[in-house]
Amino acid sequence: MNIFWDEIIEPIFLEENVKSIIEIGSESGINTTRILEYCSKSNARLISIDPAPLFEAEKYEKEHELLQIIQDISLNAFPYIGDYDAVLIDGDHNWYTVYHELKLIEKNALQQGKFPIVFLHDTDWPYGRRDMYYFPDTIPEQFRKEYAKKGMLQGQSELIEPDSKFDKESINKSLNNALYEGGEKNGVLTAIEDFLSQSSLPLSFYNNTANHGLGIICNKNERLEGFIEDKEGFTRIK
């Protein structure tokens, strides 16, 4: 997500005067730090959700009064969070998690009267159409694809066997990747499409395929939509 900050995310935050932000998936905290720089300049607040951040979360939280860190999975944390203006989703890249994150955001929007701007990473290959599970046991069995810690090559549905001639070229071989790409309820982009097809809210969706993909869901708003359309690489999907 960090790679999109300067050219896309921060300009939209500034344009929309975003004051309350949810970050799902802080990892090493690189993007968290950049969001906090925005918060300090804009009098905004950040809630960062990650069950296993790769930094000293309690120390970092004490150093930044504008930050709250929730060390839990997003689907457990979201029901206890109130109003927010923007959500950055870069956590568990699978259909079940992303679909239900969006449903919880929608539920909150119906209660609060507004849908936030939602940014979603990995809408393109490799996880646009393939599930990955950081914590497989948190996904109900009926929604969990068969998976293995094997790598992926673009253009090939099956995972790459270890020590095969393509193994060195494959990526993410240490992660729990679904055995096959495509099909129903498989991947981040599929989750977004399924959510949008069912939602009664007046939403727009834009997608950018660079750097594994960035999707933006927002309320239909000509001014904001025009601002997004001026950014290079975005295609309006809905």
C-alpha atoms as a PDB file:
ATOM      1  CA  MET A   1       0.000   0.000   0.000  1.00  0.00           C
ATOM      2  CA  ASN A   2       2.918   2.332   0.784  1.00  0.00           C
ATOM      3  CA  ILE A   3       3.874   2.607  -2.881  1.00  0.00           C
ATOM      4  CA  PHE A   4       0.542   4.324  -3.640  1.00  0.00           C
ATOM      5  CA  TRP A   5       0.778   6.873  -0.817  1.00  0.00           C
ATOM      6  CA  ASP A   6       2.401   9.913  -2.464  1.00  0.00           C
ATOM      7  CA  GLU A   7       0.561   9.941  -5.781  1.00  0.00           C
ATOM      8  CA  ILE A   8      -2.860   8.548  -4.851  1.00  0.00           C
ATOM      9  CA  ILE A   9      -3.790   8.006  -1.215  1.00  0.00           C
ATOM     10  CA  GLU A  10      -2.507  11.170   0.483  1.00  0.00           C
ATOM     11  CA  PRO A  11      -3.845  13.491  -2.256  1.00  0.00           C
ATOM     12  CA  ILE A  12      -7.293  11.903  -1.855  1.00  0.00           C
ATOM     13  CA  PHE A  13      -7.048  12.253   1.934  1.00  0.00           C
ATOM     14  CA  LEU A  14      -6.239  15.945   1.500  1.00  0.00           C
ATOM     15  CA  GLU A  15      -8.971  16.463  -1.094  1.00  0.00           C
ATOM     16  CA  GLU A  16     -11.588  14.848   1.176  1.00  0.00           C
ATOM     17  CA  ASN A  17     -10.232  16.303   4.440  1.00  0.00           C
ATOM     18  CA  VAL A  18     -10.068  12.829   5.970  1.00  0.00           C
ATOM     19  CA  LYS A  19     -10.020  12.966   9.786  1.00  0.00           C
ATOM     20  CA  SER A  20     -10.445   9.351  10.944  1.00  0.00           C
ATOM     21  CA  ILE A  21      -8.596   6.464   9.314  1.00  0.00           C
ATOM     22  CA  ILE A  22      -8.623   2.683   9.714  1.00  0.00           C
ATOM     23  CA  GLU A  23      -5.548   0.775   8.534  1.00  0.00           C
ATOM     24  CA  ILE A  24      -5.892  -3.008   8.208  1.00  0.00           C
ATOM     25  CA  GLY A  25      -2.474  -4.637   8.001  1.00  0.00           C
ATOM     26  CA  SER A  26       0.376  -2.519   9.368  1.00  0.00           C
ATOM     27  CA  GLU A  27       3.136  -5.134   8.948  1.00  0.00           C
ATOM     28  CA  SER A  28       6.466  -3.343   9.572  1.00  0.00           C
ATOM     29  CA  GLY A  29       4.787   0.033  10.079  1.00  0.00           C
ATOM     30  CA  ILE A  30       6.158   1.847   7.008  1.00  0.00           C
ATOM     31  CA  ASN A  31       2.764   2.982   5.769  1.00  0.00           C
ATOM     32  CA  THR A  32       1.552   3.492   9.346  1.00  0.00           C
ATOM     33  CA  THR A  33       4.304   6.069   9.833  1.00  0.00           C
ATOM     34  CA  ARG A  34       3.315   7.932   6.673  1.00  0.00           C
ATOM     35  CA  ILE A  35      -0.339   7.991   7.685  1.00  0.00           C
ATOM     36  CA  LEU A  36       0.671   9.381  11.082  1.00  0.00           C
ATOM     37  CA  GLU A  37       2.622  12.168   9.369  1.00  0.00           C
ATOM     38  CA  TYR A  38      -0.606  13.071   7.578  1.00  0.00           C
ATOM     39  CA  CYS A  39      -2.521  12.849  10.865  1.00  0.00           C
ATOM     40  CA  SER A  40      -0.154  15.239  12.632  1.00  0.00           C
ATOM     41  CA  LYS A  41      -0.540  17.808   9.834  1.00  0.00           C
ATOM     42  CA  SER A  42      -4.309  17.393   9.463  1.00  0.00           C
ATOM     43  CA  ASN A  43      -5.473  16.810  13.042  1.00  0.00           C
ATOM     44  CA  ALA A  44      -6.614  13.312  12.082  1.00  0.00           C
ATOM     45  CA  ARG A  45      -6.593  10.017  13.981  1.00  0.00           C
ATOM     46  CA  LEU A  46      -5.528   6.494  12.990  1.00  0.00           C
ATOM     47  CA  ILE A  47      -6.639   3.073  14.193  1.00  0.00           C
ATOM     48  CA  SER A  48      -4.268   0.368  12.944  1.00  0.00           C
ATOM     49  CA  ILE A  49      -5.467  -3.256  13.041  1.00  0.00           C
ATOM     50  CA  ASP A  50      -2.975  -6.122  12.834  1.00  0.00           C
ATOM     51  CA  PRO A  51      -2.903  -9.356  14.864  1.00  0.00           C
ATOM     52  CA  ALA A  52       0.887  -9.592  14.600  1.00  0.00           C
ATOM     53  CA  PRO A  53       2.573  -6.264  13.727  1.00  0.00           C
ATOM     54  CA  LEU A  54       6.290  -6.471  12.980  1.00  0.00           C
ATOM     55  CA  PHE A  55       7.229  -3.631  15.322  1.00  0.00           C
ATOM     56  CA  GLU A  56       6.890  -2.819  19.024  1.00  0.00           C
ATOM     57  CA  ALA A  57       3.230  -1.882  18.927  1.00  0.00           C
ATOM     58  CA  GLU A  58       2.824  -0.724  22.542  1.00  0.00           C
ATOM     59  CA  LYS A  59       5.930   1.456  22.389  1.00  0.00           C
ATOM     60  CA  TYR A  60       4.881   2.923  19.036  1.00  0.00           C
ATOM     61  CA  GLU A  61       1.376   3.646  20.323  1.00  0.00           C
ATOM     62  CA  LYS A  62       2.753   5.486  23.365  1.00  0.00           C
ATOM     63  CA  GLU A  63       4.933   7.628  21.104  1.00  0.00           C
ATOM     64  CA  HIS A  64       1.997   8.715  18.912  1.00  0.00           C
ATOM     65  CA  GLU A  65      -1.072  10.111  20.662  1.00  0.00           C
ATOM     66  CA  LEU A  66      -3.021  10.114  17.382  1.00  0.00           C
ATOM     67  CA  LEU A  67      -2.624   6.320  17.038  1.00  0.00           C
ATOM     68  CA  GLN A  68      -4.519   3.343  18.429  1.00  0.00           C
ATOM     69  CA  ILE A  69      -3.257  -0.164  17.610  1.00  0.00           C
ATOM     70  CA  ILE A  70      -5.615  -3.144  17.850  1.00  0.00           C
ATOM     71  CA  GLN A  71      -3.731  -6.452  17.840  1.00  0.00           C
ATOM     72  CA  ASP A  72      -6.499  -8.668  16.511  1.00  0.00           C
ATOM     73  CA  ILE A  73      -7.928  -9.767  13.181  1.00  0.00           C
ATOM     74  CA  SER A  74     -10.036  -7.159  11.421  1.00  0.00           C
ATOM     75  CA  LEU A  75     -13.307  -9.090  11.573  1.00  0.00           C
ATOM     76  CA  ASN A  76     -13.068  -9.162  15.372  1.00  0.00           C
ATOM     77  CA  ALA A  77     -12.070  -5.498  15.681  1.00  0.00           C
ATOM     78  CA  PHE A  78     -14.415  -3.785  13.221  1.00  0.00           C
ATOM     79  CA  PRO A  79     -17.711  -4.201  15.121  1.00  0.00           C
ATOM     80  CA  TYR A  80     -16.304  -2.109  17.993  1.00  0.00           C
ATOM     81  CA  ILE A  81     -15.124   0.818  15.867  1.00  0.00           C
ATOM     82  CA  GLY A  82     -17.487   3.732  15.253  1.00  0.00           C
ATOM     83  CA  ASP A  83     -17.321   6.451  12.637  1.00  0.00           C
ATOM     84  CA  TYR A  84     -14.421   6.676  10.157  1.00  0.00           C
ATOM     85  CA  ASP A  85     -13.714   8.528   6.915  1.00  0.00           C
ATOM     86  CA  ALA A  86     -11.286   6.158   5.179  1.00  0.00           C
ATOM     87  CA  VAL A  87     -10.206   2.510   5.352  1.00  0.00           C
ATOM     88  CA  LEU A  88      -7.000   1.019   3.937  1.00  0.00           C
ATOM     89  CA  ILE A  89      -7.366  -2.746   3.500  1.00  0.00           C
ATOM     90  CA  ASP A  90      -4.069  -4.588   3.150  1.00  0.00           C
ATOM     91  CA  GLY A  91      -4.462  -7.478   5.552  1.00  0.00           C
ATOM     92  CA  ASP A  92      -5.487 -11.076   4.916  1.00  0.00           C
ATOM     93  CA  HIS A  93      -5.798 -11.406   1.125  1.00  0.00           C
ATOM     94  CA  ASN A  94      -8.670 -13.830   0.719  1.00  0.00           C
ATOM     95  CA  TRP A  95     -12.314 -13.750  -0.339  1.00  0.00           C
ATOM     96  CA  TYR A  96     -13.826 -14.479   3.072  1.00  0.00           C
ATOM     97  CA  THR A  97     -11.911 -11.792   4.946  1.00  0.00           C
ATOM     98  CA  VAL A  98     -12.220  -9.006   2.362  1.00  0.00           C
ATOM     99  CA  TYR A  99     -15.886  -9.682   1.603  1.00  0.00           C
ATOM    100  CA  HIS A 100     -16.824  -9.586   5.285  1.00  0.00           C
ATOM    101  CA  GLU A 101     -14.637  -6.539   5.958  1.00  0.00           C
ATOM    102  CA  LEU A 102     -16.654  -4.730   3.288  1.00  0.00           C
ATOM    103  CA  LYS A 103     -19.933  -5.994   4.733  1.00  0.00           C
ATOM    104  CA  LEU A 104     -18.976  -4.646   8.172  1.00  0.00           C
ATOM    105  CA  ILE A 105     -18.027  -1.309   6.619  1.00  0.00           C
ATOM    106  CA  GLU A 106     -21.378  -1.260   4.831  1.00  0.00           C
ATOM    107  CA  LYS A 107     -23.245  -2.024   8.069  1.00  0.00           C
ATOM    108  CA  ASN A 108     -21.474   0.842   9.821  1.00  0.00           C
ATOM    109  CA  ALA A 109     -22.178   3.146   6.869  1.00  0.00           C
ATOM    110  CA  LEU A 110     -25.898   2.424   7.080  1.00  0.00           C
ATOM    111  CA  GLN A 111     -25.808   3.332  10.780  1.00  0.00           C
ATOM    112  CA  GLN A 112     -23.619   6.427  10.398  1.00  0.00           C
ATOM    113  CA  GLY A 113     -25.159   7.689   7.164  1.00  0.00           C
ATOM    114  CA  LYS A 114     -21.992   7.676   5.045  1.00  0.00           C
ATOM    115  CA  PHE A 115     -19.734   5.169   3.311  1.00  0.00           C
ATOM    116  CA  PRO A 116     -16.004   5.852   3.789  1.00  0.00           C
ATOM    117  CA  ILE A 117     -13.394   5.905   1.038  1.00  0.00           C
ATOM    118  CA  VAL A 118     -12.023   2.357   0.945  1.00  0.00           C
ATOM    119  CA  PHE A 119      -8.611   1.518  -0.549  1.00  0.00           C
ATOM    120  CA  LEU A 120      -7.871  -2.164  -1.215  1.00  0.00           C
ATOM    121  CA  HIS A 121      -4.447  -3.532  -2.127  1.00  0.00           C
ATOM    122  CA  ASP A 122      -3.807  -6.696  -4.193  1.00  0.00           C
ATOM    123  CA  THR A 123      -6.737  -6.402  -6.579  1.00  0.00           C
ATOM    124  CA  ASP A 124      -4.528  -7.748  -9.389  1.00  0.00           C
ATOM    125  CA  TRP A 125      -2.211 -10.756  -9.663  1.00  0.00           C
ATOM    126  CA  PRO A 126      -1.364 -12.745  -7.607  1.00  0.00           C
ATOM    127  CA  TYR A 127      -4.230 -12.336  -5.116  1.00  0.00           C
ATOM    128  CA  GLY A 128      -6.938 -10.704  -7.180  1.00  0.00           C
ATOM    129  CA  ARG A 129      -8.282 -14.169  -8.047  1.00  0.00           C
ATOM    130  CA  ARG A 130      -6.466 -16.380  -5.523  1.00  0.00           C
ATOM    131  CA  ASP A 131      -6.876 -16.678  -1.767  1.00  0.00           C
ATOM    132  CA  MET A 132      -3.992 -16.420   0.668  1.00  0.00           C
ATOM    133  CA  TYR A 133      -4.347 -17.118   4.388  1.00  0.00           C
ATOM    134  CA  TYR A 134      -2.043 -15.663   7.040  1.00  0.00           C
ATOM    135  CA  PHE A 135      -4.034 -17.509   9.713  1.00  0.00           C
ATOM    136  CA  PRO A 136      -5.950 -20.351   8.018  1.00  0.00           C
ATOM    137  CA  ASP A 137      -7.721 -21.401  11.210  1.00  0.00           C
ATOM    138  CA  THR A 138      -9.548 -18.037  11.337  1.00  0.00           C
ATOM    139  CA  ILE A 139     -11.323 -18.822   8.045  1.00  0.00           C
ATOM    140  CA  PRO A 140     -14.425 -21.068   8.317  1.00  0.00           C
ATOM    141  CA  GLU A 141     -13.739 -24.392   6.647  1.00  0.00           C
ATOM    142  CA  GLN A 142     -16.509 -23.965   4.052  1.00  0.00           C
ATOM    143  CA  PHE A 143     -14.836 -20.763   2.790  1.00  0.00           C
ATOM    144  CA  ARG A 144     -11.236 -21.953   2.954  1.00  0.00           C
ATOM    145  CA  LYS A 145      -9.699 -23.265  -0.248  1.00  0.00           C
ATOM    146  CA  GLU A 146      -7.154 -26.041  -0.191  1.00  0.00           C
ATOM    147  CA  TYR A 147      -3.793 -24.354   0.171  1.00  0.00           C
ATOM    148  CA  ALA A 148      -0.061 -24.989   0.364  1.00  0.00           C
ATOM    149  CA  LYS A 149       3.158 -23.135   1.028  1.00  0.00           C
ATOM    150  CA  LYS A 150       4.254 -23.119  -2.585  1.00  0.00           C
ATOM    151  CA  GLY A 151       5.122 -20.336  -4.999  1.00  0.00           C
ATOM    152  CA  MET A 152       3.166 -18.799  -7.887  1.00  0.00           C
ATOM    153  CA  LEU A 153       3.936 -17.787 -11.449  1.00  0.00           C
ATOM    154  CA  GLN A 154       1.794 -15.342 -13.382  1.00  0.00           C
ATOM    155  CA  GLY A 155      -0.280 -17.077 -16.019  1.00  0.00           C
ATOM    156  CA  GLN A 156      -0.251 -20.437 -14.235  1.00  0.00           C
ATOM    157  CA  SER A 157      -3.173 -21.463 -12.022  1.00  0.00           C
ATOM    158  CA  GLU A 158      -1.433 -24.332 -10.218  1.00  0.00           C
ATOM    159  CA  LEU A 159       1.173 -23.615  -7.576  1.00  0.00           C
ATOM    160  CA  ILE A 160       4.822 -24.287  -8.398  1.00  0.00           C
ATOM    161  CA  GLU A 161       6.327 -27.448  -6.987  1.00  0.00           C
ATOM    162  CA  PRO A 162       9.432 -26.977  -4.822  1.00  0.00           C
ATOM    163  CA  ASP A 163      12.723 -27.704  -6.604  1.00  0.00           C
ATOM    164  CA  SER A 164      11.016 -27.646 -10.017  1.00  0.00           C
ATOM    165  CA  LYS A 165      12.668 -25.711 -12.844  1.00  0.00           C
ATOM    166  CA  PHE A 166      10.291 -22.777 -12.204  1.00  0.00           C
ATOM    167  CA  ASP A 167      10.651 -22.682  -8.419  1.00  0.00           C
ATOM    168  CA  LYS A 168      13.310 -19.955  -8.346  1.00  0.00           C
ATOM    169  CA  GLU A 169      11.092 -17.694 -10.466  1.00  0.00           C
ATOM    170  CA  SER A 170       8.001 -18.171  -8.295  1.00  0.00           C
ATOM    171  CA  ILE A 171       6.921 -15.731  -5.594  1.00  0.00           C
ATOM    172  CA  ASN A 172       5.453 -15.899  -2.068  1.00  0.00           C
ATOM    173  CA  LYS A 173       6.350 -19.566  -1.603  1.00  0.00           C
ATOM    174  CA  SER A 174       6.393 -19.179   2.196  1.00  0.00           C
ATOM    175  CA  LEU A 175       2.711 -18.122   2.330  1.00  0.00           C
ATOM    176  CA  ASN A 176      -0.465 -20.202   2.482  1.00  0.00           C
ATOM    177  CA  ASN A 177      -1.652 -19.878  -1.115  1.00  0.00           C
ATOM    178  CA  ALA A 178      -4.804 -21.463  -2.534  1.00  0.00           C
ATOM    179  CA  LEU A 179      -3.914 -24.393  -4.795  1.00  0.00           C
ATOM    180  CA  TYR A 180      -5.713 -22.889  -7.796  1.00  0.00           C
ATOM    181  CA  GLU A 181      -6.491 -19.453  -9.166  1.00  0.00           C
ATOM    182  CA  GLY A 182      -9.991 -18.328 -10.165  1.00  0.00           C
ATOM    183  CA  GLY A 183     -13.466 -19.654  -9.564  1.00  0.00           C
ATOM    184  CA  GLU A 184     -16.103 -18.605  -7.054  1.00  0.00           C
ATOM    185  CA  LYS A 185     -15.194 -16.929  -3.772  1.00  0.00           C
ATOM    186  CA  ASN A 186     -11.486 -16.874  -4.519  1.00  0.00           C
ATOM    187  CA  GLY A 187      -9.372 -13.740  -4.205  1.00  0.00           C
ATOM    188  CA  VAL A 188      -9.568 -10.050  -3.317  1.00  0.00           C
ATOM    189  CA  LEU A 189     -11.065  -8.727  -6.556  1.00  0.00           C
ATOM    190  CA  THR A 190     -13.721 -11.467  -6.531  1.00  0.00           C
ATOM    191  CA  ALA A 191     -14.691 -10.418  -2.989  1.00  0.00           C
ATOM    192  CA  ILE A 192     -15.050  -6.799  -4.095  1.00  0.00           C
ATOM    193  CA  GLU A 193     -17.182  -7.748  -7.099  1.00  0.00           C
ATOM    194  CA  ASP A 194     -19.434  -9.968  -4.993  1.00  0.00           C
ATOM    195  CA  PHE A 195     -19.876  -7.241  -2.393  1.00  0.00           C
ATOM    196  CA  LEU A 196     -20.708  -4.574  -4.988  1.00  0.00           C
ATOM    197  CA  SER A 197     -23.187  -6.831  -6.784  1.00  0.00           C
ATOM    198  CA  GLN A 198     -25.162  -7.214  -3.544  1.00  0.00           C
ATOM    199  CA  SER A 199     -24.874  -3.780  -1.984  1.00  0.00           C
ATOM    200  CA  SER A 200     -27.819  -1.388  -2.256  1.00  0.00           C
ATOM    201  CA  LEU A 201     -25.615   1.641  -1.580  1.00  0.00           C
ATOM    202  CA  PRO A 202     -24.744   4.041  -4.449  1.00  0.00           C
ATOM    203  CA  LEU A 203     -21.072   3.094  -4.751  1.00  0.00           C
ATOM    204  CA  SER A 204     -18.401   3.523  -7.406  1.00  0.00           C
ATOM    205  CA  PHE A 205     -15.365   1.283  -7.871  1.00  0.00           C
ATOM    206  CA  TYR A 206     -12.066   2.149  -9.543  1.00  0.00           C
ATOM    207  CA  ASN A 207      -9.153  -0.210 -10.115  1.00  0.00           C
ATOM    208  CA  ASN A 208      -5.481   0.292 -10.905  1.00  0.00           C
ATOM    209  CA  THR A 209      -3.483  -2.800 -11.921  1.00  0.00           C
ATOM    210  CA  ALA A 210      -0.021  -1.372 -11.101  1.00  0.00           C
ATOM    211  CA  ASN A 211       2.009  -2.866  -8.232  1.00  0.00           C
ATOM    212  CA  HIS A 212      -0.342  -5.829  -7.701  1.00  0.00           C
ATOM    213  CA  GLY A 213      -3.409  -3.609  -7.883  1.00  0.00           C
ATOM    214  CA  LEU A 214      -5.159  -0.883  -5.939  1.00  0.00           C
ATOM    215  CA  GLY A 215      -8.938  -0.622  -5.798  1.00  0.00           C
ATOM    216  CA  ILE A 216     -10.942   2.343  -4.521  1.00  0.00           C
ATOM    217  CA  ILE A 217     -14.580   2.124  -3.447  1.00  0.00           C
ATOM    218  CA  CYS A 218     -16.414   5.359  -2.667  1.00  0.00           C
ATOM    219  CA  ASN A 219     -19.832   6.952  -2.636  1.00  0.00           C
ATOM    220  CA  LYS A 220     -20.952   8.183  -6.034  1.00  0.00           C
ATOM    221  CA  ASN A 221     -19.626  11.739  -6.020  1.00  0.00           C
ATOM    222  CA  GLU A 222     -18.803  13.590  -9.242  1.00  0.00           C
ATOM    223  CA  ARG A 223     -16.098  15.739  -7.664  1.00  0.00           C
ATOM    224  CA  LEU A 224     -14.284  12.823  -5.983  1.00  0.00           C
ATOM    225  CA  GLU A 225     -14.767  10.541  -8.976  1.00  0.00           C
ATOM    226  CA  GLY A 226     -13.262  13.197 -11.244  1.00  0.00           C
ATOM    227  CA  PHE A 227     -10.316  13.518  -8.855  1.00  0.00           C
ATOM    228  CA  ILE A 228      -9.690   9.760  -8.993  1.00  0.00           C
ATOM    229  CA  GLU A 229     -10.113   9.629 -12.774  1.00  0.00           C
ATOM    230  CA  ASP A 230      -7.373  12.254 -13.117  1.00  0.00           C
ATOM    231  CA  LYS A 231      -4.947   9.842 -11.473  1.00  0.00           C
ATOM    232  CA  GLU A 232      -2.954   7.737 -13.936  1.00  0.00           C
ATOM    233  CA  GLY A 233      -3.881   4.083 -14.337  1.00  0.00           C
ATOM    234  CA  PHE A 234      -7.379   3.969 -12.873  1.00  0.00           C
ATOM    235  CA  THR A 235     -10.261   2.304 -14.676  1.00  0.00           C
ATOM    236  CA  ARG A 236     -13.839   2.781 -13.549  1.00  0.00           C
ATOM    237  CA  ILE A 237     -15.379  -0.647 -13.010  1.00  0.00           C
ATOM    238  CA  LYS A 238     -18.717   0.402 -11.502  1.00  0.00           C
END
